[in-house]
Amino acid sequence: MQTSSLRRFTALLAAILLAACQSPPAPGPGVSLVALTVADLRHTLIGNTLSRSGGPLWRRWDYAGVHRDDGTMTGRVSWPDGEEIANGVWDTSPDGLYCRAWGNRWGAGQRGCFQVSRGDGVLVFHHVSGSRGDAERYVYRLLPGNLHGL
């Protein structure tokens, strides 16, 4: 009997820890997303941290990125036995898209543009053109300030 209770407790604990480490979920079907304007993008991104996480429990990774007013950005992906830091550039296109290019292999180092929306406490980046990176859509938590000193 104790073994069964211990197994249930262990499974519950693992589920809670996994849920706590995941990237925020995309807003549900009933949530309306509001597209950010160029002014909204600048105000929202500059000096704040974008954060998301993923991967299997045994190979978790965490991303944190900060955008600066001068059009530069720094991102860091960390996992249990290492990290990778990259610098890049970002801007907005004439039609209001957020565009970025990393100075390393992320997104093949090429420019990619995204429509950015806010909803349900997250920012959603939908790929529109150029390099998409490793996904068509990214969901980030927005955290105040440069929390990781990037």
Protein backbone atom coordinates (compact mmCIF):
# COMPACT_ATOMS: atom_id res chain seq x y z
CA MET A 1 0.00 0.00 0.00
CA GLN A 2 2.78 2.46 0.85
CA THR A 3 4.53 1.68 -2.42
CA SER A 4 1.38 2.54 -4.37
CA SER A 5 0.99 5.85 -2.50
CA LEU A 6 4.65 6.67 -3.07
CA ARG A 7 4.30 5.98 -6.81
CA ARG A 8 1.22 8.22 -7.04
CA PHE A 9 3.01 10.96 -5.10
CA THR A 10 6.10 10.67 -7.31
CA ALA A 11 4.00 10.82 -10.49
CA LEU A 12 2.07 13.84 -9.20
CA LEU A 13 5.27 15.62 -8.19
CA ALA A 14 6.84 14.94 -11.61
CA ALA A 15 3.72 16.29 -13.38
CA ILE A 16 3.75 19.46 -11.26
CA LEU A 17 7.46 20.07 -11.86
CA LEU A 18 7.09 19.48 -15.58
CA ALA A 19 4.14 21.85 -15.81
CA ALA A 20 6.02 24.53 -13.88
CA CYS A 21 8.98 24.34 -16.27
CA GLN A 22 7.09 24.44 -19.55
CA SER A 23 6.76 27.50 -21.73
CA PRO A 24 3.51 29.28 -21.17
CA PRO A 25 0.68 27.69 -23.14
CA ALA A 26 -0.71 29.52 -26.13
CA PRO A 27 -3.86 31.43 -25.27
CA GLY A 28 -6.99 29.30 -25.55
CA PRO A 29 -9.59 29.59 -28.31
CA GLY A 30 -11.76 32.01 -26.28
CA VAL A 31 -8.92 34.49 -25.72
CA SER A 32 -8.59 37.33 -28.18
CA LEU A 33 -5.07 38.24 -29.21
CA VAL A 34 -4.27 41.89 -29.76
CA ALA A 35 -1.62 42.66 -32.38
CA LEU A 36 1.09 44.99 -31.11
CA THR A 37 1.86 48.19 -33.01
CA VAL A 38 5.45 49.33 -33.60
CA ALA A 39 5.17 51.66 -30.59
CA ASP A 40 3.75 48.79 -28.49
CA LEU A 41 6.59 46.49 -29.59
CA ARG A 42 9.28 48.97 -28.62
CA HIS A 43 7.65 49.79 -25.29
CA THR A 44 7.04 46.12 -24.47
CA LEU A 45 10.35 44.60 -25.55
CA ILE A 46 13.06 47.14 -24.76
CA GLY A 47 14.80 46.34 -21.50
CA ASN A 48 12.49 43.47 -20.52
CA THR A 49 13.06 39.71 -20.59
CA LEU A 50 11.31 37.26 -22.90
CA SER A 51 11.29 33.78 -21.39
CA ARG A 52 10.28 30.30 -22.52
CA SER A 53 11.26 26.71 -21.71
CA GLY A 54 10.98 23.32 -23.31
CA GLY A 55 12.44 19.92 -23.96
CA PRO A 56 11.96 16.59 -22.19
CA LEU A 57 12.36 16.42 -18.43
CA TRP A 58 15.86 14.92 -18.69
CA ARG A 59 17.03 17.59 -21.19
CA ARG A 60 15.20 20.78 -20.17
CA TRP A 61 16.22 24.05 -21.73
CA ASP A 62 15.37 27.63 -20.79
CA TYR A 63 15.55 30.66 -23.06
CA ALA A 64 15.85 34.26 -21.90
CA GLY A 65 16.28 37.19 -24.26
CA VAL A 66 16.58 40.96 -23.90
CA HIS A 67 16.08 43.65 -26.57
CA ARG A 68 17.89 46.98 -26.40
CA ASP A 69 16.92 50.43 -27.68
CA ASP A 70 19.86 50.48 -30.11
CA GLY A 71 18.45 47.52 -32.09
CA THR A 72 20.68 44.87 -30.54
CA MET A 73 19.55 41.84 -28.55
CA THR A 74 21.09 39.07 -26.51
CA GLY A 75 19.64 35.64 -25.88
CA ARG A 76 20.70 32.77 -23.70
CA VAL A 77 19.63 29.14 -23.85
CA SER A 78 20.67 27.11 -20.84
CA TRP A 79 20.29 23.44 -20.03
CA PRO A 80 21.57 21.29 -17.15
CA ASP A 81 25.12 20.93 -18.44
CA GLY A 82 25.72 24.12 -20.38
CA GLU A 83 24.49 27.23 -22.09
CA GLU A 84 24.72 29.14 -25.35
CA ILE A 85 24.64 32.92 -25.59
CA ALA A 86 23.99 34.74 -28.84
CA ASN A 87 23.80 38.34 -29.95
CA GLY A 88 21.70 39.67 -32.76
CA VAL A 89 19.83 42.62 -34.18
CA TRP A 90 16.13 43.45 -34.25
CA ASP A 91 13.88 46.07 -35.80
CA THR A 92 10.36 46.61 -37.05
CA SER A 93 9.31 46.47 -40.68
CA PRO A 94 7.30 49.21 -42.42
CA ASP A 95 4.19 47.02 -42.10
CA GLY A 96 4.59 46.66 -38.32
CA LEU A 97 6.28 43.26 -38.04
CA TYR A 98 8.96 42.40 -35.51
CA CYS A 99 12.10 41.22 -37.33
CA ARG A 100 15.30 39.70 -35.97
CA ALA A 101 18.52 38.04 -37.03
CA TRP A 102 20.84 36.18 -34.68
CA GLY A 103 24.62 36.31 -35.14
CA ASN A 104 24.96 32.54 -34.73
CA ARG A 105 23.19 29.44 -36.03
CA TRP A 106 19.80 30.32 -34.46
CA GLY A 107 17.41 30.91 -37.34
CA ALA A 108 20.35 30.05 -39.61
CA GLY A 109 21.64 33.56 -38.81
CA GLN A 110 19.09 35.01 -41.22
CA ARG A 111 16.42 37.65 -40.77
CA GLY A 112 12.93 36.47 -39.86
CA CYS A 113 9.79 38.55 -39.30
CA PHE A 114 6.85 37.89 -36.97
CA GLN A 115 3.47 39.36 -36.13
CA VAL A 116 3.48 39.83 -32.36
CA SER A 117 0.26 39.65 -30.34
CA ARG A 118 -0.54 39.87 -26.66
CA GLY A 119 -3.16 37.79 -24.90
CA ASP A 120 -3.77 35.89 -21.70
CA GLY A 121 -0.56 37.19 -20.11
CA VAL A 122 1.81 36.09 -22.89
CA LEU A 123 3.32 37.38 -26.12
CA VAL A 124 2.77 35.24 -29.21
CA PHE A 125 5.17 35.58 -32.15
CA HIS A 126 3.65 34.22 -35.40
CA HIS A 127 6.13 33.68 -38.24
CA VAL A 128 5.35 35.73 -41.36
CA SER A 129 8.47 35.78 -43.54
CA GLY A 130 12.18 34.92 -43.72
CA SER A 131 13.82 32.57 -41.26
CA ARG A 132 11.37 31.14 -38.77
CA GLY A 133 13.93 29.51 -36.49
CA ASP A 134 12.72 26.20 -35.08
CA ALA A 135 8.97 26.98 -34.91
CA GLU A 136 6.13 28.73 -36.72
CA ARG A 137 4.95 30.23 -33.44
CA TYR A 138 6.68 31.14 -30.20
CA VAL A 139 4.91 31.86 -26.92
CA TYR A 140 6.85 33.88 -24.34
CA ARG A 141 6.36 35.15 -20.84
CA LEU A 142 7.27 38.82 -20.54
CA LEU A 143 9.21 39.52 -17.36
CA PRO A 144 10.06 43.05 -16.19
CA GLY A 145 13.66 44.17 -16.57
CA ASN A 146 16.81 42.39 -17.64
CA LEU A 147 16.55 39.59 -15.11
CA HIS A 148 19.61 37.64 -16.24
CA GLY A 149 22.02 40.52 -16.86
CA LEU A 150 22.15 39.86 -20.59
